């Protein structure tokens, strides 16, 4: 699966593989794409040799990211950022 994000000054492409490491390629406006490393703190506790699905399960059980942060904020009755207003502004 590939995901592409394009902004005025730069673009990011990801290639999500079913097994092995994912890739992220980034390019500034007018330059060619370069492969960049996924920061280690985003993959802490994740066995990168496992399937993509296993890596994602590990991310959600070892790291406080995405839906996990949202649910924790609700349970702890505290605000979370970005919030729904931030999402609306981005649209």
C-alpha atoms as a PDB file:
ATOM      1  CA  UNK A   1       0.000   0.000   0.000  1.00  0.00           C
ATOM      2  CA  UNK A   2       1.249   3.498  -0.789  1.00  0.00           C
ATOM      3  CA  UNK A   3       0.257   6.764   0.816  1.00  0.00           C
ATOM      4  CA  UNK A   4       1.263  10.154  -0.609  1.00  0.00           C
ATOM      5  CA  UNK A   5       0.991  13.516   1.164  1.00  0.00           C
ATOM      6  CA  UNK A   6       1.673  16.648  -0.876  1.00  0.00           C
ATOM      7  CA  UNK A   7       2.106  20.163   0.492  1.00  0.00           C
ATOM      8  CA  UNK A   8       3.345  23.360  -1.109  1.00  0.00           C
ATOM      9  CA  UNK A   9       6.956  22.996   0.041  1.00  0.00           C
ATOM     10  CA  UNK A  10       7.389  19.195   0.269  1.00  0.00           C
ATOM     11  CA  UNK A  11       5.904  15.762  -0.342  1.00  0.00           C
ATOM     12  CA  UNK A  12       6.058  12.501   1.591  1.00  0.00           C
ATOM     13  CA  UNK A  13       5.543   9.000   0.174  1.00  0.00           C
ATOM     14  CA  UNK A  14       5.231   5.853   2.264  1.00  0.00           C
ATOM     15  CA  UNK A  15       5.398   2.283   1.125  1.00  0.00           C
ATOM     16  CA  UNK A  16       3.827  -0.101   3.624  1.00  0.00           C
ATOM     17  CA  UNK A  17       5.080  -3.626   3.117  1.00  0.00           C
ATOM     18  CA  UNK A  18       3.407  -6.797   4.366  1.00  0.00           C
ATOM     19  CA  UNK A  19       6.696  -8.029   5.837  1.00  0.00           C
ATOM     20  CA  UNK A  20       9.819  -6.118   6.794  1.00  0.00           C
ATOM     21  CA  UNK A  21      10.561  -2.446   7.226  1.00  0.00           C
ATOM     22  CA  UNK A  22       8.358   0.305   5.898  1.00  0.00           C
ATOM     23  CA  UNK A  23       9.866   3.136   3.907  1.00  0.00           C
ATOM     24  CA  UNK A  24       9.335   6.862   3.961  1.00  0.00           C
ATOM     25  CA  UNK A  25      10.565   9.036   1.118  1.00  0.00           C
ATOM     26  CA  UNK A  26      10.514  12.814   1.296  1.00  0.00           C
ATOM     27  CA  UNK A  27      11.234  15.581  -1.194  1.00  0.00           C
ATOM     28  CA  UNK A  28      11.381  19.339  -0.877  1.00  0.00           C
ATOM     29  CA  UNK A  29       9.913  21.352  -3.739  1.00  0.00           C
ATOM     30  CA  UNK A  30      12.089  21.035  -6.836  1.00  0.00           C
ATOM     31  CA  UNK A  31      14.241  18.218  -5.382  1.00  0.00           C
ATOM     32  CA  UNK A  32      14.183  14.443  -5.911  1.00  0.00           C
ATOM     33  CA  UNK A  33      12.830  12.015  -3.302  1.00  0.00           C
ATOM     34  CA  UNK A  34      15.211  10.698  -0.645  1.00  0.00           C
ATOM     35  CA  UNK A  35      14.564   7.734   1.665  1.00  0.00           C
ATOM     36  CA  UNK A  36      14.460   8.788   5.322  1.00  0.00           C
ATOM     37  CA  UNK A  37      14.620   6.655   8.458  1.00  0.00           C
ATOM     38  CA  UNK A  38      11.571   6.121  10.656  1.00  0.00           C
ATOM     39  CA  UNK A  39      12.670   7.578  14.013  1.00  0.00           C
ATOM     40  CA  UNK A  40      13.467   4.819  16.517  1.00  0.00           C
ATOM     41  CA  UNK A  41      11.122   6.278  19.167  1.00  0.00           C
ATOM     42  CA  UNK A  42       8.164   5.519  16.871  1.00  0.00           C
ATOM     43  CA  UNK A  43       9.140   1.862  16.648  1.00  0.00           C
ATOM     44  CA  UNK A  44      10.279   1.265  20.255  1.00  0.00           C
ATOM     45  CA  UNK A  45       9.371  -2.270  21.311  1.00  0.00           C
ATOM     46  CA  UNK A  46       8.395  -3.328  17.775  1.00  0.00           C
ATOM     47  CA  UNK A  47      10.064  -6.270  16.019  1.00  0.00           C
ATOM     48  CA  UNK A  48      10.617  -4.866  12.518  1.00  0.00           C
ATOM     49  CA  UNK A  49      11.028  -8.372  11.048  1.00  0.00           C
ATOM     50  CA  UNK A  50       7.385  -9.221  11.810  1.00  0.00           C
ATOM     51  CA  UNK A  51       4.486  -8.706   9.400  1.00  0.00           C
ATOM     52  CA  UNK A  52       3.013  -5.243   8.997  1.00  0.00           C
ATOM     53  CA  UNK A  53      -0.095  -6.269  10.970  1.00  0.00           C
ATOM     54  CA  UNK A  54       2.045  -7.568  13.848  1.00  0.00           C
ATOM     55  CA  UNK A  55       4.087  -4.364  13.855  1.00  0.00           C
ATOM     56  CA  UNK A  56       0.921  -2.268  14.091  1.00  0.00           C
ATOM     57  CA  UNK A  57      -0.466  -4.400  16.936  1.00  0.00           C
ATOM     58  CA  UNK A  58       2.830  -3.941  18.764  1.00  0.00           C
ATOM     59  CA  UNK A  59       2.719  -0.180  18.180  1.00  0.00           C
ATOM     60  CA  UNK A  60      -0.730   0.068  19.749  1.00  0.00           C
ATOM     61  CA  UNK A  61       0.190  -2.130  22.725  1.00  0.00           C
ATOM     62  CA  UNK A  62       3.684  -0.726  23.414  1.00  0.00           C
ATOM     63  CA  UNK A  63       3.260   2.934  22.505  1.00  0.00           C
ATOM     64  CA  UNK A  64       0.783   5.616  23.486  1.00  0.00           C
ATOM     65  CA  UNK A  65      -0.272   6.580  19.944  1.00  0.00           C
ATOM     66  CA  UNK A  66      -3.383   7.210  17.907  1.00  0.00           C
ATOM     67  CA  UNK A  67      -6.598   5.720  19.229  1.00  0.00           C
ATOM     68  CA  UNK A  68      -4.890   4.663  22.455  1.00  0.00           C
ATOM     69  CA  UNK A  69      -4.083   8.297  23.329  1.00  0.00           C
ATOM     70  CA  UNK A  70      -7.637   9.349  22.478  1.00  0.00           C
ATOM     71  CA  UNK A  71      -9.207   6.677  24.707  1.00  0.00           C
ATOM     72  CA  UNK A  72      -6.797   7.481  27.565  1.00  0.00           C
ATOM     73  CA  UNK A  73      -7.742  11.176  27.355  1.00  0.00           C
ATOM     74  CA  UNK A  74     -11.440  10.302  27.619  1.00  0.00           C
ATOM     75  CA  UNK A  75     -10.856   7.979  30.592  1.00  0.00           C
ATOM     76  CA  UNK A  76      -8.701  10.591  32.342  1.00  0.00           C
ATOM     77  CA  UNK A  77     -11.108  13.452  31.485  1.00  0.00           C
ATOM     78  CA  UNK A  78      -8.399  15.608  29.901  1.00  0.00           C
ATOM     79  CA  UNK A  79      -8.140  17.408  26.558  1.00  0.00           C
ATOM     80  CA  UNK A  80      -6.200  15.891  23.695  1.00  0.00           C
ATOM     81  CA  UNK A  81      -4.418  17.593  20.799  1.00  0.00           C
ATOM     82  CA  UNK A  82      -5.073  17.762  17.982  1.00  0.00           C
ATOM     83  CA  UNK A  83      -8.772  18.021  18.809  1.00  0.00           C
ATOM     84  CA  UNK A  84     -11.906  17.993  16.656  1.00  0.00           C
ATOM     85  CA  UNK A  85     -11.670  21.764  16.076  1.00  0.00           C
ATOM     86  CA  UNK A  86      -8.085  21.347  14.782  1.00  0.00           C
ATOM     87  CA  UNK A  87      -9.353  18.629  12.417  1.00  0.00           C
ATOM     88  CA  UNK A  88     -12.163  20.868  11.188  1.00  0.00           C
ATOM     89  CA  UNK A  89      -9.697  23.713  10.508  1.00  0.00           C
ATOM     90  CA  UNK A  90      -7.450  21.340   8.550  1.00  0.00           C
ATOM     91  CA  UNK A  91     -10.348  20.338   6.310  1.00  0.00           C
END
